[in-house]
Amino acid sequence: MENQNGKFLGAIGQRAKAETPLFFKKLRLAGLMLAAIGGVLVGTPVLLPALVIQLGGYMIVGGTVLTAASQVSVKDDK
């Protein structure tokens, strides 16, 4: 069981280190910016409406997922 998990995690690591297509590089950057803006909204010391803070949390989650999915996308050399 542990050998299969090791192979799976190794494959993910190899995909993360492989060359990423240009489209996904741009998506990764957009995800990072989205997460950063969400972090600013959530962490600002100024009193903001609850809706804005909740939107910031959603932006953090969405940006993180977009960045992670874009990072493991690889070029298909076929």
PDB file of N, CA and C in Angstrom:
ATOM      1  N   MET A   1       0.821  -1.190   0.000  1.00  0.00           N
ATOM      2  CA  MET A   1       0.000   0.000   0.000  1.00  0.00           C
ATOM      3  C   MET A   1       0.865   1.254   0.000  1.00  0.00           C
ATOM      4  N   GLU A   2       1.911   1.273   0.855  1.00  0.00           N
ATOM      5  CA  GLU A   2       2.774   2.447   0.928  1.00  0.00           C
ATOM      6  C   GLU A   2       3.553   2.635  -0.364  1.00  0.00           C
ATOM      7  N   ASN A   3       3.885   1.545  -1.061  1.00  0.00           N
ATOM      8  CA  ASN A   3       4.622   1.651  -2.308  1.00  0.00           C
ATOM      9  C   ASN A   3       3.777   2.357  -3.365  1.00  0.00           C
ATOM     10  N   GLN A   4       2.475   2.068  -3.413  1.00  0.00           N
ATOM     11  CA  GLN A   4       1.591   2.732  -4.371  1.00  0.00           C
ATOM     12  C   GLN A   4       1.475   4.215  -4.048  1.00  0.00           C
ATOM     13  N   ASN A   5       1.357   4.563  -2.775  1.00  0.00           N
ATOM     14  CA  ASN A   5       1.281   5.960  -2.381  1.00  0.00           C
ATOM     15  C   ASN A   5       2.568   6.690  -2.735  1.00  0.00           C
ATOM     16  N   GLY A   6       3.694   6.032  -2.546  1.00  0.00           N
ATOM     17  CA  GLY A   6       4.979   6.634  -2.888  1.00  0.00           C
ATOM     18  C   GLY A   6       5.098   6.905  -4.377  1.00  0.00           C
ATOM     19  N   LYS A   7       4.628   5.966  -5.199  1.00  0.00           N
ATOM     20  CA  LYS A   7       4.661   6.154  -6.649  1.00  0.00           C
ATOM     21  C   LYS A   7       3.738   7.304  -7.057  1.00  0.00           C
ATOM     22  N   PHE A   8       2.565   7.361  -6.432  1.00  0.00           N
ATOM     23  CA  PHE A   8       1.600   8.408  -6.749  1.00  0.00           C
ATOM     24  C   PHE A   8       2.158   9.784  -6.400  1.00  0.00           C
ATOM     25  N   LEU A   9       2.724   9.908  -5.204  1.00  0.00           N
ATOM     26  CA  LEU A   9       3.288  11.180  -4.789  1.00  0.00           C
ATOM     27  C   LEU A   9       4.510  11.547  -5.625  1.00  0.00           C
ATOM     28  N   GLY A  10       5.284  10.546  -6.020  1.00  0.00           N
ATOM     29  CA  GLY A  10       6.426  10.800  -6.893  1.00  0.00           C
ATOM     30  C   GLY A  10       5.991  11.307  -8.258  1.00  0.00           C
ATOM     31  N   ALA A  11       4.893  10.752  -8.779  1.00  0.00           N
ATOM     32  CA  ALA A  11       4.373  11.191 -10.075  1.00  0.00           C
ATOM     33  C   ALA A  11       3.876  12.632  -9.990  1.00  0.00           C
ATOM     34  N   ILE A  12       3.229  12.984  -8.898  1.00  0.00           N
ATOM     35  CA  ILE A  12       2.759  14.363  -8.730  1.00  0.00           C
ATOM     36  C   ILE A  12       3.953  15.315  -8.643  1.00  0.00           C
ATOM     37  N   GLY A  13       4.985  14.904  -7.924  1.00  0.00           N
ATOM     38  CA  GLY A  13       6.194  15.716  -7.823  1.00  0.00           C
ATOM     39  C   GLY A  13       6.856  15.932  -9.176  1.00  0.00           C
ATOM     40  N   GLN A  14       6.902  14.878  -9.994  1.00  0.00           N
ATOM     41  CA  GLN A  14       7.485  15.005 -11.330  1.00  0.00           C
ATOM     42  C   GLN A  14       6.647  15.930 -12.202  1.00  0.00           C
ATOM     43  N   ARG A  15       5.325  15.839 -12.090  1.00  0.00           N
ATOM     44  CA  ARG A  15       4.455  16.726 -12.871  1.00  0.00           C
ATOM     45  C   ARG A  15       4.622  18.177 -12.447  1.00  0.00           C
ATOM     46  N   ALA A  16       4.802  18.404 -11.156  1.00  0.00           N
ATOM     47  CA  ALA A  16       4.966  19.774 -10.659  1.00  0.00           C
ATOM     48  C   ALA A  16       6.281  20.382 -11.147  1.00  0.00           C
ATOM     49  N   LYS A  17       7.299  19.547 -11.362  1.00  0.00           N
ATOM     50  CA  LYS A  17       8.595  20.044 -11.815  1.00  0.00           C
ATOM     51  C   LYS A  17       8.694  20.123 -13.338  1.00  0.00           C
ATOM     52  N   ALA A  18       7.775  19.497 -14.065  1.00  0.00           N
ATOM     53  CA  ALA A  18       7.826  19.459 -15.525  1.00  0.00           C
ATOM     54  C   ALA A  18       7.460  20.823 -16.115  1.00  0.00           C
ATOM     55  N   GLU A  19       7.749  20.983 -17.398  1.00  0.00           N
ATOM     56  CA  GLU A  19       7.444  22.221 -18.117  1.00  0.00           C
ATOM     57  C   GLU A  19       5.939  22.435 -18.202  1.00  0.00           C
ATOM     58  N   THR A  20       5.502  23.651 -17.884  1.00  0.00           N
ATOM     59  CA  THR A  20       4.083  24.004 -17.901  1.00  0.00           C
ATOM     60  C   THR A  20       3.787  24.790 -19.175  1.00  0.00           C
ATOM     61  N   PRO A  21       2.676  24.482 -19.871  1.00  0.00           N
ATOM     62  CA  PRO A  21       2.319  25.248 -21.065  1.00  0.00           C
ATOM     63  C   PRO A  21       2.060  26.724 -20.729  1.00  0.00           C
ATOM     64  N   LEU A  22       2.237  27.601 -21.721  1.00  0.00           N
ATOM     65  CA  LEU A  22       2.107  29.036 -21.520  1.00  0.00           C
ATOM     66  C   LEU A  22       0.734  29.428 -20.986  1.00  0.00           C
ATOM     67  N   PHE A  23      -0.329  28.812 -21.501  1.00  0.00           N
ATOM     68  CA  PHE A  23      -1.682  29.125 -21.035  1.00  0.00           C
ATOM     69  C   PHE A  23      -1.819  28.875 -19.538  1.00  0.00           C
ATOM     70  N   PHE A  24      -1.288  27.765 -19.061  1.00  0.00           N
ATOM     71  CA  PHE A  24      -1.402  27.426 -17.650  1.00  0.00           C
ATOM     72  C   PHE A  24      -0.462  28.277 -16.789  1.00  0.00           C
ATOM     73  N   LYS A  25       0.628  28.766 -17.372  1.00  0.00           N
ATOM     74  CA  LYS A  25       1.479  29.705 -16.644  1.00  0.00           C
ATOM     75  C   LYS A  25       0.705  30.995 -16.373  1.00  0.00           C
ATOM     76  N   LYS A  26      -0.053  31.444 -17.363  1.00  0.00           N
ATOM     77  CA  LYS A  26      -0.864  32.650 -17.180  1.00  0.00           C
ATOM     78  C   LYS A  26      -1.988  32.403 -16.175  1.00  0.00           C
ATOM     79  N   LEU A  27      -2.605  31.219 -16.224  1.00  0.00           N
ATOM     80  CA  LEU A  27      -3.638  30.886 -15.245  1.00  0.00           C
ATOM     81  C   LEU A  27      -3.057  30.807 -13.831  1.00  0.00           C
ATOM     82  N   ARG A  28      -1.857  30.274 -13.719  1.00  0.00           N
ATOM     83  CA  ARG A  28      -1.203  30.179 -12.417  1.00  0.00           C
ATOM     84  C   ARG A  28      -0.957  31.575 -11.839  1.00  0.00           C
ATOM     85  N   LEU A  29      -0.501  32.486 -12.693  1.00  0.00           N
ATOM     86  CA  LEU A  29      -0.269  33.858 -12.247  1.00  0.00           C
ATOM     87  C   LEU A  29      -1.587  34.522 -11.830  1.00  0.00           C
ATOM     88  N   ALA A  30      -2.656  34.290 -12.600  1.00  0.00           N
ATOM     89  CA  ALA A  30      -3.966  34.848 -12.250  1.00  0.00           C
ATOM     90  C   ALA A  30      -4.440  34.279 -10.913  1.00  0.00           C
ATOM     91  N   GLY A  31      -4.208  33.007 -10.675  1.00  0.00           N
ATOM     92  CA  GLY A  31      -4.593  32.392  -9.404  1.00  0.00           C
ATOM     93  C   GLY A  31      -3.828  32.967  -8.233  1.00  0.00           C
ATOM     94  N   LEU A  32      -2.532  33.214  -8.438  1.00  0.00           N
ATOM     95  CA  LEU A  32      -1.727  33.819  -7.377  1.00  0.00           C
ATOM     96  C   LEU A  32      -2.210  35.233  -7.065  1.00  0.00           C
ATOM     97  N   MET A  33      -2.539  35.986  -8.106  1.00  0.00           N
ATOM     98  CA  MET A  33      -3.034  37.350  -7.889  1.00  0.00           C
ATOM     99  C   MET A  33      -4.392  37.327  -7.192  1.00  0.00           C
ATOM    100  N   LEU A  34      -5.248  36.407  -7.581  1.00  0.00           N
ATOM    101  CA  LEU A  34      -6.566  36.286  -6.961  1.00  0.00           C
ATOM    102  C   LEU A  34      -6.441  35.945  -5.481  1.00  0.00           C
ATOM    103  N   ALA A  35      -5.557  35.014  -5.168  1.00  0.00           N
ATOM    104  CA  ALA A  35      -5.351  34.640  -3.771  1.00  0.00           C
ATOM    105  C   ALA A  35      -4.745  35.800  -2.974  1.00  0.00           C
ATOM    106  N   ALA A  36      -3.847  36.554  -3.592  1.00  0.00           N
ATOM    107  CA  ALA A  36      -3.234  37.690  -2.899  1.00  0.00           C
ATOM    108  C   ALA A  36      -4.265  38.782  -2.611  1.00  0.00           C
ATOM    109  N   ILE A  37      -5.120  39.072  -3.572  1.00  0.00           N
ATOM    110  CA  ILE A  37      -6.162  40.080  -3.360  1.00  0.00           C
ATOM    111  C   ILE A  37      -7.127  39.618  -2.275  1.00  0.00           C
ATOM    112  N   GLY A  38      -7.473  38.337  -2.294  1.00  0.00           N
ATOM    113  CA  GLY A  38      -8.331  37.793  -1.242  1.00  0.00           C
ATOM    114  C   GLY A  38      -7.686  37.901   0.120  1.00  0.00           C
ATOM    115  N   GLY A  39      -6.384  37.659   0.182  1.00  0.00           N
ATOM    116  CA  GLY A  39      -5.667  37.783   1.449  1.00  0.00           C
ATOM    117  C   GLY A  39      -5.666  39.204   1.976  1.00  0.00           C
ATOM    118  N   VAL A  40      -5.559  40.158   1.066  1.00  0.00           N
ATOM    119  CA  VAL A  40      -5.612  41.563   1.478  1.00  0.00           C
ATOM    120  C   VAL A  40      -6.992  41.899   2.027  1.00  0.00           C
ATOM    121  N   LEU A  41      -8.037  41.419   1.357  1.00  0.00           N
ATOM    122  CA  LEU A  41      -9.398  41.701   1.823  1.00  0.00           C
ATOM    123  C   LEU A  41      -9.665  41.085   3.196  1.00  0.00           C
ATOM    124  N   VAL A  42      -9.196  39.868   3.392  1.00  0.00           N
ATOM    125  CA  VAL A  42      -9.438  39.190   4.672  1.00  0.00           C
ATOM    126  C   VAL A  42      -8.577  39.780   5.783  1.00  0.00           C
ATOM    127  N   GLY A  43      -7.355  40.153   5.464  1.00  0.00           N
ATOM    128  CA  GLY A  43      -6.429  40.586   6.493  1.00  0.00           C
ATOM    129  C   GLY A  43      -6.377  42.083   6.740  1.00  0.00           C
ATOM    130  N   THR A  44      -7.185  42.843   6.053  1.00  0.00           N
ATOM    131  CA  THR A  44      -7.129  44.294   6.237  1.00  0.00           C
ATOM    132  C   THR A  44      -7.625  44.697   7.632  1.00  0.00           C
ATOM    133  N   PRO A  45      -6.945  45.647   8.267  1.00  0.00           N
ATOM    134  CA  PRO A  45      -7.362  46.059   9.614  1.00  0.00           C
ATOM    135  C   PRO A  45      -8.567  47.007   9.607  1.00  0.00           C
ATOM    136  N   VAL A  46      -8.975  47.461   8.432  1.00  0.00           N
ATOM    137  CA  VAL A  46     -10.109  48.375   8.327  1.00  0.00           C
ATOM    138  C   VAL A  46     -11.403  47.571   8.430  1.00  0.00           C
ATOM    139  N   LEU A  47     -12.385  48.145   9.079  1.00  0.00           N
ATOM    140  CA  LEU A  47     -13.672  47.475   9.227  1.00  0.00           C
ATOM    141  C   LEU A  47     -14.373  47.400   7.869  1.00  0.00           C
ATOM    142  N   LEU A  48     -14.569  46.187   7.375  1.00  0.00           N
ATOM    143  CA  LEU A  48     -15.238  45.961   6.098  1.00  0.00           C
ATOM    144  C   LEU A  48     -16.519  45.172   6.333  1.00  0.00           C
ATOM    145  N   PRO A  49     -17.478  45.301   5.432  1.00  0.00           N
ATOM    146  CA  PRO A  49     -18.688  44.492   5.570  1.00  0.00           C
ATOM    147  C   PRO A  49     -18.361  42.988   5.512  1.00  0.00           C
ATOM    148  N   ALA A  50     -19.181  42.215   6.169  1.00  0.00           N
ATOM    149  CA  ALA A  50     -18.957  40.766   6.235  1.00  0.00           C
ATOM    150  C   ALA A  50     -18.946  40.136   4.847  1.00  0.00           C
ATOM    151  N   LEU A  51     -19.747  40.666   3.940  1.00  0.00           N
ATOM    152  CA  LEU A  51     -19.805  40.122   2.581  1.00  0.00           C
ATOM    153  C   LEU A  51     -18.454  40.260   1.879  1.00  0.00           C
ATOM    154  N   VAL A  52     -17.775  41.380   2.063  1.00  0.00           N
ATOM    155  CA  VAL A  52     -16.470  41.602   1.437  1.00  0.00           C
ATOM    156  C   VAL A  52     -15.433  40.636   2.015  1.00  0.00           C
ATOM    157  N   ILE A  53     -15.475  40.429   3.307  1.00  0.00           N
ATOM    158  CA  ILE A  53     -14.535  39.501   3.937  1.00  0.00           C
ATOM    159  C   ILE A  53     -14.806  38.065   3.479  1.00  0.00           C
ATOM    160  N   GLN A  54     -16.074  37.713   3.359  1.00  0.00           N
ATOM    161  CA  GLN A  54     -16.419  36.379   2.875  1.00  0.00           C
ATOM    162  C   GLN A  54     -15.983  36.212   1.422  1.00  0.00           C
ATOM    163  N   LEU A  55     -16.158  37.241   0.608  1.00  0.00           N
ATOM    164  CA  LEU A  55     -15.710  37.203  -0.779  1.00  0.00           C
ATOM    165  C   LEU A  55     -14.193  37.027  -0.847  1.00  0.00           C
ATOM    166  N   GLY A  56     -13.472  37.691   0.059  1.00  0.00           N
ATOM    167  CA  GLY A  56     -12.023  37.533   0.115  1.00  0.00           C
ATOM    168  C   GLY A  56     -11.616  36.096   0.422  1.00  0.00           C
ATOM    169  N   GLY A  57     -12.359  35.447   1.310  1.00  0.00           N
ATOM    170  CA  GLY A  57     -12.078  34.037   1.611  1.00  0.00           C
ATOM    171  C   GLY A  57     -12.294  33.142   0.404  1.00  0.00           C
ATOM    172  N   TYR A  58     -13.368  33.409  -0.338  1.00  0.00           N
ATOM    173  CA  TYR A  58     -13.617  32.635  -1.554  1.00  0.00           C
ATOM    174  C   TYR A  58     -12.533  32.885  -2.601  1.00  0.00           C
ATOM    175  N   MET A  59     -12.048  34.115  -2.661  1.00  0.00           N
ATOM    176  CA  MET A  59     -10.976  34.429  -3.607  1.00  0.00           C
ATOM    177  C   MET A  59      -9.697  33.686  -3.250  1.00  0.00           C
ATOM    178  N   ILE A  60      -9.413  33.567  -1.966  1.00  0.00           N
ATOM    179  CA  ILE A  60      -8.224  32.823  -1.533  1.00  0.00           C
ATOM    180  C   ILE A  60      -8.340  31.357  -1.952  1.00  0.00           C
ATOM    181  N   VAL A  61      -9.479  30.753  -1.683  1.00  0.00           N
ATOM    182  CA  VAL A  61      -9.669  29.336  -2.020  1.00  0.00           C
ATOM    183  C   VAL A  61      -9.613  29.133  -3.531  1.00  0.00           C
ATOM    184  N   GLY A  62     -10.330  29.954  -4.276  1.00  0.00           N
ATOM    185  CA  GLY A  62     -10.345  29.824  -5.736  1.00  0.00           C
ATOM    186  C   GLY A  62      -8.970  30.031  -6.339  1.00  0.00           C
ATOM    187  N   GLY A  63      -8.259  31.036  -5.863  1.00  0.00           N
ATOM    188  CA  GLY A  63      -6.921  31.292  -6.385  1.00  0.00           C
ATOM    189  C   GLY A  63      -5.950  30.174  -6.067  1.00  0.00           C
ATOM    190  N   THR A  64      -6.073  29.607  -4.886  1.00  0.00           N
ATOM    191  CA  THR A  64      -5.196  28.500  -4.497  1.00  0.00           C
ATOM    192  C   THR A  64      -5.460  27.259  -5.353  1.00  0.00           C
ATOM    193  N   VAL A  65      -6.725  26.948  -5.567  1.00  0.00           N
ATOM    194  CA  VAL A  65      -7.070  25.786  -6.391  1.00  0.00           C
ATOM    195  C   VAL A  65      -6.622  26.011  -7.834  1.00  0.00           C
ATOM    196  N   LEU A  66      -6.848  27.203  -8.365  1.00  0.00           N
ATOM    197  CA  LEU A  66      -6.440  27.514  -9.730  1.00  0.00           C
ATOM    198  C   LEU A  66      -4.923  27.406  -9.882  1.00  0.00           C
ATOM    199  N   THR A  67      -4.197  27.905  -8.915  1.00  0.00           N
ATOM    200  CA  THR A  67      -2.737  27.839  -8.963  1.00  0.00           C
ATOM    201  C   THR A  67      -2.240  26.396  -8.897  1.00  0.00           C
ATOM    202  N   ALA A  68      -2.811  25.607  -8.001  1.00  0.00           N
ATOM    203  CA  ALA A  68      -2.373  24.208  -7.855  1.00  0.00           C
ATOM    204  C   ALA A  68      -2.694  23.394  -9.109  1.00  0.00           C
ATOM    205  N   ALA A  69      -3.882  23.582  -9.667  1.00  0.00           N
ATOM    206  CA  ALA A  69      -4.254  22.834 -10.868  1.00  0.00           C
ATOM    207  C   ALA A  69      -3.396  23.245 -12.058  1.00  0.00           C
ATOM    208  N   SER A  70      -3.069  24.516 -12.151  1.00  0.00           N
ATOM    209  CA  SER A  70      -2.234  24.988 -13.255  1.00  0.00           C
ATOM    210  C   SER A  70      -0.802  24.492 -13.123  1.00  0.00           C
ATOM    211  N   GLN A  71      -0.317  24.338 -11.912  1.00  0.00           N
ATOM    212  CA  GLN A  71       1.060  23.919 -11.697  1.00  0.00           C
ATOM    213  C   GLN A  71       1.290  22.483 -12.148  1.00  0.00           C
ATOM    214  N   VAL A  72       0.330  21.611 -12.001  1.00  0.00           N
ATOM    215  CA  VAL A  72       0.541  20.205 -12.351  1.00  0.00           C
ATOM    216  C   VAL A  72       0.110  19.894 -13.781  1.00  0.00           C
ATOM    217  N   SER A  73      -0.251  20.903 -14.560  1.00  0.00           N
ATOM    218  CA  SER A  73      -0.540  20.692 -15.982  1.00  0.00           C
ATOM    219  C   SER A  73       0.782  20.653 -16.738  1.00  0.00           C
ATOM    220  N   VAL A  74       0.949  19.661 -17.594  1.00  0.00           N
ATOM    221  CA  VAL A  74       2.214  19.483 -18.302  1.00  0.00           C
ATOM    222  C   VAL A  74       1.976  19.481 -19.808  1.00  0.00           C
ATOM    223  N   LYS A  75       3.046  19.785 -20.531  1.00  0.00           N
ATOM    224  CA  LYS A  75       2.991  19.733 -22.003  1.00  0.00           C
ATOM    225  C   LYS A  75       2.909  18.286 -22.450  1.00  0.00           C
ATOM    226  N   ASP A  76       2.093  18.053 -23.466  1.00  0.00           N
ATOM    227  CA  ASP A  76       1.975  16.716 -24.050  1.00  0.00           C
ATOM    228  C   ASP A  76       2.829  16.697 -25.313  1.00  0.00           C
ATOM    229  N   ASP A  77       3.889  15.931 -25.293  1.00  0.00           N
ATOM    230  CA  ASP A  77       4.824  15.898 -26.416  1.00  0.00           C
ATOM    231  C   ASP A  77       4.416  14.928 -27.510  1.00  0.00           C
ATOM    232  N   LYS A  78       3.231  14.399 -27.455  1.00  0.00           N
ATOM    233  CA  LYS A  78       2.802  13.420 -28.464  1.00  0.00           C
ATOM    234  C   LYS A  78       2.379  14.096 -29.736  1.00  0.00           C
TER     235      LYS A  78
END
